[in-house]
Structures are given as C-alpha cells and as structure tokens.
Amino acid sequence: MPGFGRGDDFDSYVLQQIEMREDAISLVGDYAARGETPELQAFAARLPPRLEERLRIARGLTMQR
C-alpha cells in the first residue's frame, strides 16, 4: 500500500481490518446456518475459508513489527 508506513496509522488500519474480517466471518456463518435463501446460504457456506485466510494475513501484519 503506497504511503503506508509503520506507526499508529498503520496499526489502526490493521486492527480495523482484523475486526472487519472477524465480523464478516460471524455474519456469513450466521447466514449460512439460518439464512432464508438456499442459494445464498450455499454461497455463504463457501466463504469462510477465504475470509479466514484474509484474517490470518491481517493478523500476520501485527506480527511483523
């Protein structure tokens, strides 16, 4: 990301990304379990591995300091 260095702004960005991904995993999981549209439920059921990988990457950014 051009212009993004290490520091408070970057840390805040990473923490926000982690929180957003955790929320997305929760929301998608809930819809996969209790959604009203079977096609969307099936789609939601396929998303967690991708979202979890993105979460792993975001968490890894906090370890690079």
C-alpha atoms as a PDB file:
ATOM      1  CA  MET A   1       0.000   0.000   0.000  1.00  0.00           C
ATOM      2  CA  PRO A   2       1.826   3.132  -1.162  1.00  0.00           C
ATOM      3  CA  GLY A   3       2.357   5.745   1.511  1.00  0.00           C
ATOM      4  CA  PHE A   4       1.508   3.453   4.408  1.00  0.00           C
ATOM      5  CA  GLY A   5       4.388   3.113   6.802  1.00  0.00           C
ATOM      6  CA  ARG A   6       4.679   1.597  10.205  1.00  0.00           C
ATOM      7  CA  GLY A   7       3.175   3.568  13.034  1.00  0.00           C
ATOM      8  CA  ASP A   8      -0.069   4.408  14.737  1.00  0.00           C
ATOM      9  CA  ASP A   9      -1.995   4.938  11.489  1.00  0.00           C
ATOM     10  CA  PHE A  10      -0.894   1.588  10.111  1.00  0.00           C
ATOM     11  CA  ASP A  11      -1.610  -0.175  13.404  1.00  0.00           C
ATOM     12  CA  SER A  12      -5.100   1.325  13.495  1.00  0.00           C
ATOM     13  CA  TYR A  13      -5.686   0.240   9.896  1.00  0.00           C
ATOM     14  CA  VAL A  14      -4.596  -3.337  10.611  1.00  0.00           C
ATOM     15  CA  LEU A  15      -6.711  -3.596  13.759  1.00  0.00           C
ATOM     16  CA  GLN A  16      -9.702  -2.289  11.811  1.00  0.00           C
ATOM     17  CA  GLN A  17      -9.118  -4.889   9.084  1.00  0.00           C
ATOM     18  CA  ILE A  18      -8.917  -7.670  11.672  1.00  0.00           C
ATOM     19  CA  GLU A  19     -12.157  -6.555  13.312  1.00  0.00           C
ATOM     20  CA  MET A  20     -13.932  -6.277   9.957  1.00  0.00           C
ATOM     21  CA  ARG A  21     -12.870  -9.765   8.945  1.00  0.00           C
ATOM     22  CA  GLU A  22     -13.943 -11.246  12.280  1.00  0.00           C
ATOM     23  CA  ASP A  23     -17.337  -9.574  11.872  1.00  0.00           C
ATOM     24  CA  ALA A  24     -17.652 -10.830   8.293  1.00  0.00           C
ATOM     25  CA  ILE A  25     -16.873 -14.413   9.337  1.00  0.00           C
ATOM     26  CA  SER A  26     -19.534 -14.212  12.036  1.00  0.00           C
ATOM     27  CA  LEU A  27     -22.178 -12.688   9.747  1.00  0.00           C
ATOM     28  CA  VAL A  28     -21.520 -15.123   6.911  1.00  0.00           C
ATOM     29  CA  GLY A  29     -21.591 -18.069   9.293  1.00  0.00           C
ATOM     30  CA  ASP A  30     -24.887 -16.929  10.741  1.00  0.00           C
ATOM     31  CA  TYR A  31     -26.418 -16.563   7.289  1.00  0.00           C
ATOM     32  CA  ALA A  32     -25.102 -19.946   6.183  1.00  0.00           C
ATOM     33  CA  ALA A  33     -26.807 -21.508   9.208  1.00  0.00           C
ATOM     34  CA  ARG A  34     -30.046 -19.530   9.279  1.00  0.00           C
ATOM     35  CA  GLY A  35     -30.453 -17.670   6.008  1.00  0.00           C
ATOM     36  CA  GLU A  36     -33.754 -17.590   4.176  1.00  0.00           C
ATOM     37  CA  THR A  37     -32.495 -18.113   0.618  1.00  0.00           C
ATOM     38  CA  PRO A  38     -30.962 -21.534  -0.082  1.00  0.00           C
ATOM     39  CA  GLU A  39     -28.730 -20.263  -2.896  1.00  0.00           C
ATOM     40  CA  LEU A  40     -27.330 -17.500  -0.694  1.00  0.00           C
ATOM     41  CA  GLN A  41     -26.910 -19.929   2.187  1.00  0.00           C
ATOM     42  CA  ALA A  42     -24.834 -22.179  -0.064  1.00  0.00           C
ATOM     43  CA  PHE A  43     -22.736 -19.211  -1.179  1.00  0.00           C
ATOM     44  CA  ALA A  44     -22.246 -18.084   2.427  1.00  0.00           C
ATOM     45  CA  ALA A  45     -21.183 -21.603   3.408  1.00  0.00           C
ATOM     46  CA  ARG A  46     -18.327 -21.455   0.873  1.00  0.00           C
ATOM     47  CA  LEU A  47     -16.918 -18.112   2.047  1.00  0.00           C
ATOM     48  CA  PRO A  48     -15.388 -18.824   5.489  1.00  0.00           C
ATOM     49  CA  PRO A  49     -12.129 -20.383   4.220  1.00  0.00           C
ATOM     50  CA  ARG A  50     -11.408 -17.292   2.103  1.00  0.00           C
ATOM     51  CA  LEU A  51     -12.341 -14.916   4.906  1.00  0.00           C
ATOM     52  CA  GLU A  52     -10.291 -16.878   7.434  1.00  0.00           C
ATOM     53  CA  GLU A  53      -7.254 -16.711   5.141  1.00  0.00           C
ATOM     54  CA  ARG A  54      -7.647 -12.927   4.869  1.00  0.00           C
ATOM     55  CA  LEU A  55      -7.938 -12.747   8.654  1.00  0.00           C
ATOM     56  CA  ARG A  56      -4.770 -14.816   9.043  1.00  0.00           C
ATOM     57  CA  ILE A  57      -2.930 -12.435   6.717  1.00  0.00           C
ATOM     58  CA  ALA A  58      -4.197  -9.363   8.588  1.00  0.00           C
ATOM     59  CA  ARG A  59      -3.169 -10.855  11.917  1.00  0.00           C
ATOM     60  CA  GLY A  60       0.236 -11.619  10.433  1.00  0.00           C
ATOM     61  CA  LEU A  61       0.747  -7.917   9.783  1.00  0.00           C
ATOM     62  CA  THR A  62       0.668  -7.313  13.510  1.00  0.00           C
ATOM     63  CA  MET A  63       3.446  -9.880  13.976  1.00  0.00           C
ATOM     64  CA  GLN A  64       5.817  -8.176  11.516  1.00  0.00           C
ATOM     65  CA  ARG A  65       6.713  -5.345  13.861  1.00  0.00           C
END
